[in-house]
PDB file of N, CA and C in Angstrom:
ATOM      1  N   MET A   1      54.883 -38.411  -6.617  1.00  0.00           N
ATOM      2  CA  MET A   1      54.007 -37.356  -6.090  1.00  0.00           C
ATOM      3  C   MET A   1      52.814 -37.248  -7.145  1.00  0.00           C
ATOM      4  N   THR A   2      51.645 -37.401  -6.676  1.00  0.00           N
ATOM      5  CA  THR A   2      50.481 -37.491  -7.497  1.00  0.00           C
ATOM      6  C   THR A   2      50.174 -36.165  -8.271  1.00  0.00           C
ATOM      7  N   THR A   3      50.406 -35.026  -7.768  1.00  0.00           N
ATOM      8  CA  THR A   3      50.259 -33.855  -8.531  1.00  0.00           C
ATOM      9  C   THR A   3      51.142 -33.762  -9.717  1.00  0.00           C
ATOM     10  N   ALA A   4      52.406 -34.093  -9.495  1.00  0.00           N
ATOM     11  CA  ALA A   4      53.367 -34.180 -10.522  1.00  0.00           C
ATOM     12  C   ALA A   4      52.936 -35.092 -11.708  1.00  0.00           C
ATOM     13  N   ASP A   5      52.358 -36.298 -11.368  1.00  0.00           N
ATOM     14  CA  ASP A   5      51.888 -37.281 -12.275  1.00  0.00           C
ATOM     15  C   ASP A   5      50.635 -36.727 -13.065  1.00  0.00           C
ATOM     16  N   LEU A   6      49.792 -35.984 -12.447  1.00  0.00           N
ATOM     17  CA  LEU A   6      48.624 -35.355 -13.097  1.00  0.00           C
ATOM     18  C   LEU A   6      49.073 -34.231 -14.009  1.00  0.00           C
ATOM     19  N   GLU A   7      50.014 -33.484 -13.739  1.00  0.00           N
ATOM     20  CA  GLU A   7      50.604 -32.363 -14.458  1.00  0.00           C
ATOM     21  C   GLU A   7      51.405 -32.940 -15.592  1.00  0.00           C
ATOM     22  N   ALA A   8      52.119 -34.029 -15.442  1.00  0.00           N
ATOM     23  CA  ALA A   8      52.767 -34.654 -16.510  1.00  0.00           C
ATOM     24  C   ALA A   8      51.809 -35.316 -17.637  1.00  0.00           C
ATOM     25  N   LEU A   9      50.757 -35.871 -17.145  1.00  0.00           N
ATOM     26  CA  LEU A   9      49.733 -36.344 -18.026  1.00  0.00           C
ATOM     27  C   LEU A   9      49.125 -35.191 -18.930  1.00  0.00           C
ATOM     28  N   LEU A  10      48.816 -34.196 -18.162  1.00  0.00           N
ATOM     29  CA  LEU A  10      48.230 -32.923 -18.873  1.00  0.00           C
ATOM     30  C   LEU A  10      49.280 -32.415 -19.838  1.00  0.00           C
ATOM     31  N   ALA A  11      50.573 -32.333 -19.475  1.00  0.00           N
ATOM     32  CA  ALA A  11      51.494 -31.792 -20.461  1.00  0.00           C
ATOM     33  C   ALA A  11      51.729 -32.766 -21.675  1.00  0.00           C
ATOM     34  N   ASP A  12      51.585 -34.073 -21.447  1.00  0.00           N
ATOM     35  CA  ASP A  12      51.656 -34.922 -22.548  1.00  0.00           C
ATOM     36  C   ASP A  12      50.358 -34.876 -23.527  1.00  0.00           C
ATOM     37  N   TYR A  13      49.209 -34.486 -22.865  1.00  0.00           N
ATOM     38  CA  TYR A  13      48.066 -34.411 -23.678  1.00  0.00           C
ATOM     39  C   TYR A  13      48.165 -33.033 -24.469  1.00  0.00           C
ATOM     40  N   THR A  14      48.755 -32.042 -23.874  1.00  0.00           N
ATOM     41  CA  THR A  14      48.825 -30.685 -24.516  1.00  0.00           C
ATOM     42  C   THR A  14      49.769 -30.734 -25.757  1.00  0.00           C
ATOM     43  N   VAL A  15      50.827 -31.441 -25.534  1.00  0.00           N
ATOM     44  CA  VAL A  15      51.783 -31.530 -26.709  1.00  0.00           C
ATOM     45  C   VAL A  15      51.452 -32.720 -27.625  1.00  0.00           C
ATOM     46  N   GLY A  16      50.476 -33.470 -27.382  1.00  0.00           N
ATOM     47  CA  GLY A  16      49.922 -34.595 -28.287  1.00  0.00           C
ATOM     48  C   GLY A  16      50.648 -35.892 -28.106  1.00  0.00           C
ATOM     49  N   THR A  17      51.413 -36.070 -27.099  1.00  0.00           N
ATOM     50  CA  THR A  17      52.165 -37.382 -26.967  1.00  0.00           C
ATOM     51  C   THR A  17      51.214 -38.403 -26.245  1.00  0.00           C
ATOM     52  N   TRP A  18      50.140 -37.912 -25.603  1.00  0.00           N
ATOM     53  CA  TRP A  18      49.210 -38.861 -25.075  1.00  0.00           C
ATOM     54  C   TRP A  18      47.726 -38.433 -25.551  1.00  0.00           C
ATOM     55  N   LEU A  19      47.093 -39.331 -26.209  1.00  0.00           N
ATOM     56  CA  LEU A  19      45.724 -39.008 -26.722  1.00  0.00           C
ATOM     57  C   LEU A  19      44.732 -39.968 -25.944  1.00  0.00           C
ATOM     58  N   PRO A  20      43.831 -39.402 -25.225  1.00  0.00           N
ATOM     59  CA  PRO A  20      42.908 -40.287 -24.520  1.00  0.00           C
ATOM     60  C   PRO A  20      41.916 -41.140 -25.510  1.00  0.00           C
ATOM     61  N   THR A  21      41.591 -42.287 -25.023  1.00  0.00           N
ATOM     62  CA  THR A  21      40.658 -43.021 -25.886  1.00  0.00           C
ATOM     63  C   THR A  21      39.297 -42.418 -25.729  1.00  0.00           C
ATOM     64  N   PRO A  22      38.428 -42.754 -26.625  1.00  0.00           N
ATOM     65  CA  PRO A  22      37.063 -42.223 -26.481  1.00  0.00           C
ATOM     66  C   PRO A  22      36.405 -42.507 -25.207  1.00  0.00           C
ATOM     67  N   GLY A  23      36.802 -43.799 -24.646  1.00  0.00           N
ATOM     68  CA  GLY A  23      36.230 -44.111 -23.253  1.00  0.00           C
ATOM     69  C   GLY A  23      36.775 -43.229 -22.092  1.00  0.00           C
ATOM     70  N   GLU A  24      38.102 -42.802 -22.221  1.00  0.00           N
ATOM     71  CA  GLU A  24      38.687 -42.047 -21.323  1.00  0.00           C
ATOM     72  C   GLU A  24      38.176 -40.572 -21.456  1.00  0.00           C
ATOM     73  N   ARG A  25      37.852 -40.140 -22.671  1.00  0.00           N
ATOM     74  CA  ARG A  25      37.272 -38.762 -22.766  1.00  0.00           C
ATOM     75  C   ARG A  25      35.826 -38.719 -22.097  1.00  0.00           C
ATOM     76  N   ALA A  26      35.055 -39.847 -22.319  1.00  0.00           N
ATOM     77  CA  ALA A  26      33.712 -39.918 -21.769  1.00  0.00           C
ATOM     78  C   ALA A  26      33.870 -39.992 -20.238  1.00  0.00           C
ATOM     79  N   PHE A  27      34.792 -40.729 -19.750  1.00  0.00           N
ATOM     80  CA  PHE A  27      35.081 -40.852 -18.369  1.00  0.00           C
ATOM     81  C   PHE A  27      35.473 -39.331 -17.691  1.00  0.00           C
ATOM     82  N   ALA A  28      36.265 -38.780 -18.447  1.00  0.00           N
ATOM     83  CA  ALA A  28      36.765 -37.298 -17.983  1.00  0.00           C
ATOM     84  C   ALA A  28      35.577 -36.385 -17.934  1.00  0.00           C
ATOM     85  N   GLU A  29      34.646 -36.554 -19.049  1.00  0.00           N
ATOM     86  CA  GLU A  29      33.401 -35.756 -19.031  1.00  0.00           C
ATOM     87  C   GLU A  29      32.540 -35.853 -17.803  1.00  0.00           C
ATOM     88  N   ASP A  30      32.315 -37.308 -17.579  1.00  0.00           N
ATOM     89  CA  ASP A  30      31.462 -37.582 -16.382  1.00  0.00           C
ATOM     90  C   ASP A  30      32.024 -37.127 -15.126  1.00  0.00           C
ATOM     91  N   LEU A  31      33.260 -37.177 -14.917  1.00  0.00           N
ATOM     92  CA  LEU A  31      33.895 -36.707 -13.654  1.00  0.00           C
ATOM     93  C   LEU A  31      33.897 -35.272 -13.667  1.00  0.00           C
ATOM     94  N   ALA A  32      34.112 -34.522 -14.789  1.00  0.00           N
ATOM     95  CA  ALA A  32      34.136 -33.037 -14.734  1.00  0.00           C
ATOM     96  C   ALA A  32      32.882 -32.382 -14.349  1.00  0.00           C
ATOM     97  N   ARG A  33      31.801 -33.210 -14.493  1.00  0.00           N
ATOM     98  CA  ARG A  33      30.553 -32.654 -14.173  1.00  0.00           C
ATOM     99  C   ARG A  33      30.260 -32.474 -12.640  1.00  0.00           C
ATOM    100  N   GLY A  34      31.001 -33.292 -11.966  1.00  0.00           N
ATOM    101  CA  GLY A  34      30.816 -33.423 -10.474  1.00  0.00           C
ATOM    102  C   GLY A  34      31.825 -32.630  -9.667  1.00  0.00           C
ATOM    103  N   GLN A  35      31.650 -32.708  -8.340  1.00  0.00           N
ATOM    104  CA  GLN A  35      32.519 -31.992  -7.398  1.00  0.00           C
ATOM    105  C   GLN A  35      33.718 -32.863  -7.191  1.00  0.00           C
ATOM    106  N   THR A  36      34.876 -32.365  -7.370  1.00  0.00           N
ATOM    107  CA  THR A  36      36.091 -33.123  -7.149  1.00  0.00           C
ATOM    108  C   THR A  36      36.387 -33.451  -5.788  1.00  0.00           C
ATOM    109  N   SER A  37      36.167 -34.692  -5.540  1.00  0.00           N
ATOM    110  CA  SER A  37      36.405 -35.131  -4.073  1.00  0.00           C
ATOM    111  C   SER A  37      36.844 -36.685  -4.213  1.00  0.00           C
ATOM    112  N   SER A  38      37.332 -37.187  -3.125  1.00  0.00           N
ATOM    113  CA  SER A  38      37.740 -38.554  -3.116  1.00  0.00           C
ATOM    114  C   SER A  38      36.578 -39.506  -3.380  1.00  0.00           C
ATOM    115  N   VAL A  39      35.500 -39.237  -2.863  1.00  0.00           N
ATOM    116  CA  VAL A  39      34.277 -40.044  -3.106  1.00  0.00           C
ATOM    117  C   VAL A  39      33.805 -40.093  -4.485  1.00  0.00           C
ATOM    118  N   TRP A  40      33.734 -38.987  -5.108  1.00  0.00           N
ATOM    119  CA  TRP A  40      33.385 -38.774  -6.593  1.00  0.00           C
ATOM    120  C   TRP A  40      34.415 -39.550  -7.504  1.00  0.00           C
ATOM    121  N   LEU A  41      35.700 -39.292  -7.230  1.00  0.00           N
ATOM    122  CA  LEU A  41      36.691 -40.054  -7.929  1.00  0.00           C
ATOM    123  C   LEU A  41      36.504 -41.564  -7.837  1.00  0.00           C
ATOM    124  N   ARG A  42      36.403 -42.085  -6.547  1.00  0.00           N
ATOM    125  CA  ARG A  42      36.264 -43.434  -6.196  1.00  0.00           C
ATOM    126  C   ARG A  42      35.027 -44.089  -6.929  1.00  0.00           C
ATOM    127  N   VAL A  43      33.943 -43.454  -6.858  1.00  0.00           N
ATOM    128  CA  VAL A  43      32.742 -43.838  -7.625  1.00  0.00           C
ATOM    129  C   VAL A  43      32.934 -43.905  -9.161  1.00  0.00           C
ATOM    130  N   GLY A  44      33.541 -42.922  -9.683  1.00  0.00           N
ATOM    131  CA  GLY A  44      33.950 -42.824 -11.110  1.00  0.00           C
ATOM    132  C   GLY A  44      34.879 -43.850 -11.396  1.00  0.00           C
ATOM    133  N   LEU A  45      35.869 -44.129 -10.716  1.00  0.00           N
ATOM    134  CA  LEU A  45      36.930 -45.080 -10.977  1.00  0.00           C
ATOM    135  C   LEU A  45      36.318 -46.553 -11.110  1.00  0.00           C
ATOM    136  N   ARG A  46      35.245 -46.814 -10.399  1.00  0.00           N
ATOM    137  CA  ARG A  46      34.661 -48.155 -10.524  1.00  0.00           C
ATOM    138  C   ARG A  46      34.359 -48.485 -11.999  1.00  0.00           C
ATOM    139  N   GLU A  47      33.982 -47.548 -12.776  1.00  0.00           N
ATOM    140  CA  GLU A  47      33.487 -47.751 -14.110  1.00  0.00           C
ATOM    141  C   GLU A  47      34.538 -47.206 -15.167  1.00  0.00           C
ATOM    142  N   ALA A  48      35.663 -46.853 -14.644  1.00  0.00           N
ATOM    143  CA  ALA A  48      36.755 -46.258 -15.490  1.00  0.00           C
ATOM    144  C   ALA A  48      37.268 -47.255 -16.503  1.00  0.00           C
ATOM    145  N   PRO A  49      37.419 -46.881 -17.719  1.00  0.00           N
ATOM    146  CA  PRO A  49      38.171 -47.593 -18.729  1.00  0.00           C
ATOM    147  C   PRO A  49      39.555 -47.712 -18.379  1.00  0.00           C
ATOM    148  N   PRO A  50      40.389 -48.806 -18.729  1.00  0.00           N
ATOM    149  CA  PRO A  50      41.770 -48.823 -18.377  1.00  0.00           C
ATOM    150  C   PRO A  50      42.575 -47.721 -19.153  1.00  0.00           C
ATOM    151  N   GLY A  51      43.603 -47.274 -18.580  1.00  0.00           N
ATOM    152  CA  GLY A  51      44.372 -46.402 -19.250  1.00  0.00           C
ATOM    153  C   GLY A  51      45.201 -45.409 -18.387  1.00  0.00           C
ATOM    154  N   ARG A  52      45.881 -44.439 -18.925  1.00  0.00           N
ATOM    155  CA  ARG A  52      46.672 -43.635 -18.139  1.00  0.00           C
ATOM    156  C   ARG A  52      45.873 -42.610 -17.243  1.00  0.00           C
ATOM    157  N   LEU A  53      44.639 -42.194 -17.680  1.00  0.00           N
ATOM    158  CA  LEU A  53      43.851 -41.300 -16.974  1.00  0.00           C
ATOM    159  C   LEU A  53      43.404 -41.905 -15.653  1.00  0.00           C
ATOM    160  N   ALA A  54      42.913 -43.084 -15.752  1.00  0.00           N
ATOM    161  CA  ALA A  54      42.545 -43.840 -14.529  1.00  0.00           C
ATOM    162  C   ALA A  54      43.828 -44.143 -13.612  1.00  0.00           C
ATOM    163  N   GLY A  55      44.763 -44.356 -14.291  1.00  0.00           N
ATOM    164  CA  GLY A  55      46.122 -44.648 -13.619  1.00  0.00           C
ATOM    165  C   GLY A  55      46.698 -43.397 -12.689  1.00  0.00           C
ATOM    166  N   VAL A  56      46.345 -42.207 -13.157  1.00  0.00           N
ATOM    167  CA  VAL A  56      46.823 -41.118 -12.295  1.00  0.00           C
ATOM    168  C   VAL A  56      45.629 -40.579 -11.331  1.00  0.00           C
ATOM    169  N   LEU A  57      44.493 -40.979 -11.687  1.00  0.00           N
ATOM    170  CA  LEU A  57      43.291 -40.499 -10.812  1.00  0.00           C
ATOM    171  C   LEU A  57      43.098 -41.431  -9.667  1.00  0.00           C
ATOM    172  N   ALA A  58      43.474 -42.740  -9.699  1.00  0.00           N
ATOM    173  CA  ALA A  58      43.357 -43.628  -8.575  1.00  0.00           C
ATOM    174  C   ALA A  58      44.277 -43.163  -7.449  1.00  0.00           C
ATOM    175  N   PRO A  59      45.528 -42.865  -7.727  1.00  0.00           N
ATOM    176  CA  PRO A  59      46.339 -42.393  -6.448  1.00  0.00           C
ATOM    177  C   PRO A  59      45.845 -41.020  -6.031  1.00  0.00           C
ATOM    178  N   ALA A  60      45.316 -40.151  -6.935  1.00  0.00           N
ATOM    179  CA  ALA A  60      44.825 -38.917  -6.419  1.00  0.00           C
ATOM    180  C   ALA A  60      43.652 -39.083  -5.485  1.00  0.00           C
ATOM    181  N   ALA A  61      42.784 -39.990  -5.695  1.00  0.00           N
ATOM    182  CA  ALA A  61      41.606 -40.297  -4.925  1.00  0.00           C
ATOM    183  C   ALA A  61      42.130 -40.826  -3.563  1.00  0.00           C
ATOM    184  N   ALA A  62      43.081 -41.618  -3.612  1.00  0.00           N
ATOM    185  CA  ALA A  62      43.684 -42.062  -2.261  1.00  0.00           C
ATOM    186  C   ALA A  62      44.300 -40.995  -1.457  1.00  0.00           C
ATOM    187  N   VAL A  63      44.906 -40.001  -2.075  1.00  0.00           N
ATOM    188  CA  VAL A  63      45.516 -38.889  -1.320  1.00  0.00           C
ATOM    189  C   VAL A  63      44.494 -38.038  -0.747  1.00  0.00           C
ATOM    190  N   LEU A  64      43.347 -37.744  -1.697  1.00  0.00           N
ATOM    191  CA  LEU A  64      42.286 -36.935  -1.204  1.00  0.00           C
ATOM    192  C   LEU A  64      41.638 -37.457   0.020  1.00  0.00           C
ATOM    193  N   GLU A  65      41.567 -38.809   0.024  1.00  0.00           N
ATOM    194  CA  GLU A  65      40.894 -39.539   1.194  1.00  0.00           C
ATOM    195  C   GLU A  65      41.519 -39.155   2.520  1.00  0.00           C
ATOM    196  N   ARG A  66      42.892 -38.831   2.456  1.00  0.00           N
ATOM    197  CA  ARG A  66      43.657 -38.662   3.652  1.00  0.00           C
ATOM    198  C   ARG A  66      43.517 -37.077   4.093  1.00  0.00           C
ATOM    199  N   GLU A  67      42.981 -36.323   3.185  1.00  0.00           N
ATOM    200  CA  GLU A  67      42.888 -34.843   3.321  1.00  0.00           C
ATOM    201  C   GLU A  67      44.124 -34.280   3.819  1.00  0.00           C
ATOM    202  N   SER A  68      45.147 -34.461   3.020  1.00  0.00           N
ATOM    203  CA  SER A  68      46.470 -33.957   3.327  1.00  0.00           C
ATOM    204  C   SER A  68      46.447 -32.369   3.119  1.00  0.00           C
ATOM    205  N   PRO A  69      47.476 -31.645   3.516  1.00  0.00           N
ATOM    206  CA  PRO A  69      47.522 -30.259   3.230  1.00  0.00           C
ATOM    207  C   PRO A  69      47.645 -30.041   1.696  1.00  0.00           C
ATOM    208  N   LEU A  70      47.987 -31.078   0.894  1.00  0.00           N
ATOM    209  CA  LEU A  70      48.157 -30.818  -0.460  1.00  0.00           C
ATOM    210  C   LEU A  70      46.825 -30.944  -1.221  1.00  0.00           C
ATOM    211  N   SER A  71      45.746 -31.166  -0.509  1.00  0.00           N
ATOM    212  CA  SER A  71      44.463 -31.395  -1.221  1.00  0.00           C
ATOM    213  C   SER A  71      44.030 -30.288  -2.105  1.00  0.00           C
ATOM    214  N   GLU A  72      44.188 -29.101  -1.795  1.00  0.00           N
ATOM    215  CA  GLU A  72      43.710 -28.017  -2.648  1.00  0.00           C
ATOM    216  C   GLU A  72      44.557 -27.965  -3.897  1.00  0.00           C
ATOM    217  N   VAL A  73      45.862 -28.185  -3.827  1.00  0.00           N
ATOM    218  CA  VAL A  73      46.722 -28.205  -4.889  1.00  0.00           C
ATOM    219  C   VAL A  73      46.383 -29.315  -5.845  1.00  0.00           C
ATOM    220  N   LEU A  74      46.103 -30.565  -5.218  1.00  0.00           N
ATOM    221  CA  LEU A  74      45.799 -31.673  -5.866  1.00  0.00           C
ATOM    222  C   LEU A  74      44.399 -31.651  -6.647  1.00  0.00           C
ATOM    223  N   VAL A  75      43.361 -31.071  -5.920  1.00  0.00           N
ATOM    224  CA  VAL A  75      42.066 -30.881  -6.530  1.00  0.00           C
ATOM    225  C   VAL A  75      42.233 -29.920  -7.740  1.00  0.00           C
ATOM    226  N   LEU A  76      43.030 -28.959  -7.683  1.00  0.00           N
ATOM    227  CA  LEU A  76      43.191 -28.122  -8.811  1.00  0.00           C
ATOM    228  C   LEU A  76      43.778 -28.784 -10.073  1.00  0.00           C
ATOM    229  N   ALA A  77      44.805 -29.683  -9.802  1.00  0.00           N
ATOM    230  CA  ALA A  77      45.461 -30.434 -10.728  1.00  0.00           C
ATOM    231  C   ALA A  77      44.517 -31.483 -11.453  1.00  0.00           C
ATOM    232  N   VAL A  78      43.663 -31.995 -10.550  1.00  0.00           N
ATOM    233  CA  VAL A  78      42.674 -33.068 -11.142  1.00  0.00           C
ATOM    234  C   VAL A  78      41.702 -32.095 -11.997  1.00  0.00           C
ATOM    235  N   ARG A  79      41.278 -31.044 -11.612  1.00  0.00           N
ATOM    236  CA  ARG A  79      40.352 -30.234 -12.349  1.00  0.00           C
ATOM    237  C   ARG A  79      40.883 -29.813 -13.729  1.00  0.00           C
ATOM    238  N   ARG A  80      42.073 -29.370 -13.651  1.00  0.00           N
ATOM    239  CA  ARG A  80      42.755 -28.832 -14.994  1.00  0.00           C
ATOM    240  C   ARG A  80      42.809 -30.006 -15.998  1.00  0.00           C
ATOM    241  N   LEU A  81      43.137 -31.230 -15.459  1.00  0.00           N
ATOM    242  CA  LEU A  81      43.334 -32.415 -16.364  1.00  0.00           C
ATOM    243  C   LEU A  81      41.994 -32.843 -16.913  1.00  0.00           C
ATOM    244  N   LEU A  82      40.938 -32.953 -15.933  1.00  0.00           N
ATOM    245  CA  LEU A  82      39.590 -33.357 -16.484  1.00  0.00           C
ATOM    246  C   LEU A  82      39.131 -32.257 -17.474  1.00  0.00           C
ATOM    247  N   ASP A  83      39.233 -31.034 -17.226  1.00  0.00           N
ATOM    248  CA  ASP A  83      38.651 -29.945 -17.997  1.00  0.00           C
ATOM    249  C   ASP A  83      39.355 -30.015 -19.407  1.00  0.00           C
ATOM    250  N   ALA A  84      40.591 -30.382 -19.394  1.00  0.00           N
ATOM    251  CA  ALA A  84      41.286 -30.392 -20.706  1.00  0.00           C
ATOM    252  C   ALA A  84      40.911 -31.567 -21.569  1.00  0.00           C
ATOM    253  N   VAL A  85      40.685 -32.807 -20.793  1.00  0.00           N
ATOM    254  CA  VAL A  85      40.478 -34.046 -21.549  1.00  0.00           C
ATOM    255  C   VAL A  85      38.960 -34.167 -21.859  1.00  0.00           C
ATOM    256  N   ALA A  86      38.114 -33.523 -21.171  1.00  0.00           N
ATOM    257  CA  ALA A  86      36.645 -33.678 -21.400  1.00  0.00           C
ATOM    258  C   ALA A  86      36.373 -32.981 -22.722  1.00  0.00           C
ATOM    259  N   PRO A  87      35.520 -33.643 -23.551  1.00  0.00           N
ATOM    260  CA  PRO A  87      35.175 -33.027 -24.764  1.00  0.00           C
ATOM    261  C   PRO A  87      34.352 -31.767 -24.472  1.00  0.00           C
ATOM    262  N   PRO A  88      34.589 -30.733 -25.311  1.00  0.00           N
ATOM    263  CA  PRO A  88      33.818 -29.367 -25.215  1.00  0.00           C
ATOM    264  C   PRO A  88      32.172 -29.827 -25.324  1.00  0.00           C
ATOM    265  N   PRO A  89      31.412 -28.951 -24.439  1.00  0.00           N
ATOM    266  CA  PRO A  89      30.019 -29.141 -24.526  1.00  0.00           C
ATOM    267  C   PRO A  89      29.438 -28.860 -25.884  1.00  0.00           C
TER     268      PRO A  89
END
């Protein structure tokens, strides 16, 4: 389940067992500035650095493309993760 993967990565970040690379932080900051949608994620993923962040966002983009009933929950999970990882302004 994609939402669970996003929440697990956020939990790992919160407790310090996963630290994003500088490239992942910059990637999160770029994505956090836009509207969370499958198109925005797909465009961002084209330039994404390899790592766990891109690994959980790619399936999220695929799920959002199908506009499943879980989309709202999924969008919120993506936003929480990006907001946490993106460096403060």
